[in-house]
Protein backbone atom coordinates (compact mmCIF):
# COMPACT_ATOMS: atom_id res chain seq x y z
CA MET A 1 104.34 104.69 101.29
CA SER A 2 103.00 101.52 99.90
CA CYS A 3 99.73 101.26 98.14
CA ASP A 4 98.53 99.61 101.05
CA SER A 5 98.58 103.01 102.81
CA VAL A 6 95.79 104.42 100.47
CA LEU A 7 93.45 101.84 102.19
CA PRO A 8 90.13 102.96 103.88
CA ALA A 9 90.80 103.16 107.87
CA ASN A 10 87.98 100.82 108.53
CA THR A 11 89.52 97.93 106.30
CA ALA A 12 92.75 97.52 107.63
CA LYS A 13 92.21 94.10 108.27
CA GLY A 14 92.17 93.50 104.78
CA ARG A 15 95.45 94.35 103.98
CA GLY A 16 97.02 93.36 100.51
CA ASN A 17 93.72 92.73 99.26
CA VAL A 18 93.43 94.88 96.08
CA GLU A 19 89.71 95.46 96.30
CA ASN A 20 90.44 97.78 99.34
CA LEU A 21 92.47 99.80 97.37
CA ILE A 22 91.07 103.46 96.80
CA LEU A 23 92.98 103.50 93.52
CA TYR A 24 91.64 100.50 92.45
CA GLN A 25 88.02 101.25 93.70
CA LYS A 26 87.96 104.46 91.74
CA PHE A 27 89.50 103.04 88.78
CA ALA A 28 86.75 100.14 88.75
CA ASP A 29 83.88 102.48 89.32
CA PHE A 30 85.29 104.37 86.34
CA VAL A 31 85.06 101.12 84.17
CA MET A 32 81.72 99.99 85.15
CA TRP A 33 80.20 103.25 84.45
CA TYR A 34 81.92 104.04 81.15
CA GLU A 35 81.97 100.51 79.43
CA PRO A 36 78.10 100.58 78.75
CA ILE A 37 78.60 104.01 77.29
CA VAL A 38 81.41 102.68 75.01
CA GLU A 39 79.35 100.16 74.26
CA ARG A 40 76.95 102.51 72.53
CA PHE A 41 79.59 104.22 70.00
CA PRO A 42 78.55 103.53 66.49
CA ALA A 43 78.93 100.10 64.92
CA CYS A 44 81.84 101.35 62.73
CA GLN A 45 83.92 102.03 65.81
CA LYS A 46 83.20 98.82 67.78
CA PRO A 47 86.13 97.03 66.33
CA ALA A 48 88.64 100.21 66.65
CA LEU A 49 87.86 103.06 69.32
CA CYS A 50 85.42 100.96 71.47
CA ALA A 51 87.93 97.90 71.41
CA THR A 52 90.72 99.96 72.09
CA THR A 53 89.36 101.82 74.79
CA LYS A 54 88.03 98.71 76.80
CA ASN A 55 91.55 96.88 76.06
CA THR A 56 92.91 100.18 77.57
CA CYS A 57 90.71 100.08 80.87
CA TYR A 58 91.58 96.60 81.24
CA ARG A 59 95.17 97.01 80.80
CA ILE A 60 95.19 99.75 83.85
CA MET A 61 93.15 97.46 86.01
CA ARG A 62 95.88 94.81 85.38
CA MET A 63 98.58 97.22 86.04
CA ILE A 64 97.18 98.49 89.26
CA ILE A 65 96.64 94.64 90.63
CA MET A 66 100.34 93.86 89.35
CA THR A 67 101.91 97.11 91.02
CA ASN A 68 99.98 96.40 94.33
CA LYS A 69 101.95 93.08 94.52
CA ARG A 70 105.18 94.69 93.44
CA ARG A 71 108.02 95.52 96.06
CA ASP A 72 109.14 98.61 94.27
CA LYS A 73 105.70 100.21 93.35
CA ARG A 74 107.27 103.32 91.40
CA SER A 75 107.78 102.16 87.99
CA GLY A 76 104.55 100.27 88.02
CA LEU A 77 102.79 103.53 88.98
CA TYR A 78 104.58 105.61 86.11
CA GLU A 79 103.33 103.02 83.62
CA ILE A 80 99.70 103.32 84.81
CA ASP A 81 100.26 107.02 84.66
CA CYS A 82 101.09 106.77 80.96
CA GLU A 83 98.03 104.33 80.35
CA LEU A 84 95.62 106.77 82.07
CA GLU A 85 97.23 109.60 79.79
CA VAL A 86 96.37 107.22 76.52
CA LEU A 87 92.98 106.41 78.24
CA ARG A 88 92.14 110.46 78.47
CA PHE A 89 92.82 110.82 74.86
CA TYR A 90 90.37 108.25 73.75
CA VAL A 91 87.87 109.99 75.94
CA ARG A 92 88.51 112.90 74.24
CA HIS A 93 88.79 111.64 71.06
CA ALA A 94 85.15 110.07 71.21
CA TYR A 95 83.80 113.48 72.60
CA LYS A 96 85.16 115.29 69.71
CA ARG A 97 83.76 112.76 67.29
CA ARG A 98 80.40 113.23 69.02
CA TYR A 99 80.20 109.67 70.56
CA LEU A 100 80.25 110.92 73.97
CA SER A 101 77.62 113.70 75.00
CA LYS A 102 79.00 116.78 77.03
CA GLY A 103 77.85 115.36 80.50
CA SER A 104 79.20 112.05 79.99
CA TYR A 105 82.48 113.58 78.56
CA GLU A 106 82.18 115.93 82.05
CA THR A 107 81.53 113.04 84.35
CA ALA A 108 84.49 111.13 82.66
CA VAL A 109 86.91 114.00 83.18
CA ILE A 110 86.16 113.97 86.51
CA LYS A 111 86.33 110.40 87.45
CA LEU A 112 89.68 110.04 85.70
CA GLY A 113 90.73 113.25 87.43
CA GLU A 114 90.01 111.79 90.99
CA VAL A 115 92.00 108.67 89.63
CA GLY A 116 94.91 111.02 88.43
CA LYS A 117 95.22 112.44 91.73
CA ILE A 118 95.29 109.54 93.71
CA LEU A 119 97.70 108.14 91.28
CA GLY A 120 99.80 111.48 91.69
CA GLY A 121 99.83 111.40 95.60
CA LEU A 122 101.12 107.75 95.27
CA LEU A 123 103.83 108.65 92.91
CA LYS A 124 104.77 111.34 95.32
CA SER A 125 104.60 109.30 98.22
CA GLU A 126 107.08 106.90 96.54
CA ASN A 127 109.51 109.14 95.52
CA LYS A 128 110.11 110.36 99.10
């Protein structure tokens, strides 16, 4: 099963277009929601946790796009999974340092959980 198979049924004519991928959409939604929150971290964290978190988000987005273009998607999906785990660490760390409210943390966990479930389904289907 390729990443194209996770396209919504009504967008079949856009095959190969990464914007139609559910994984891409869900993660892009997370980034659009989370980036303004990260921007509000304390000034002392701007060059460290803020920049690292944003770079990790951008790296995952790049990996999603690149994996979509690969013939063998399995290795790319595993790389995305590893980076997603790193991002989860940054989110937990920000919450423990009280840079994130409980509500924002819970929302981030839910959104990243959705991305993780989609990714897990893709990994499972690629391993068949």
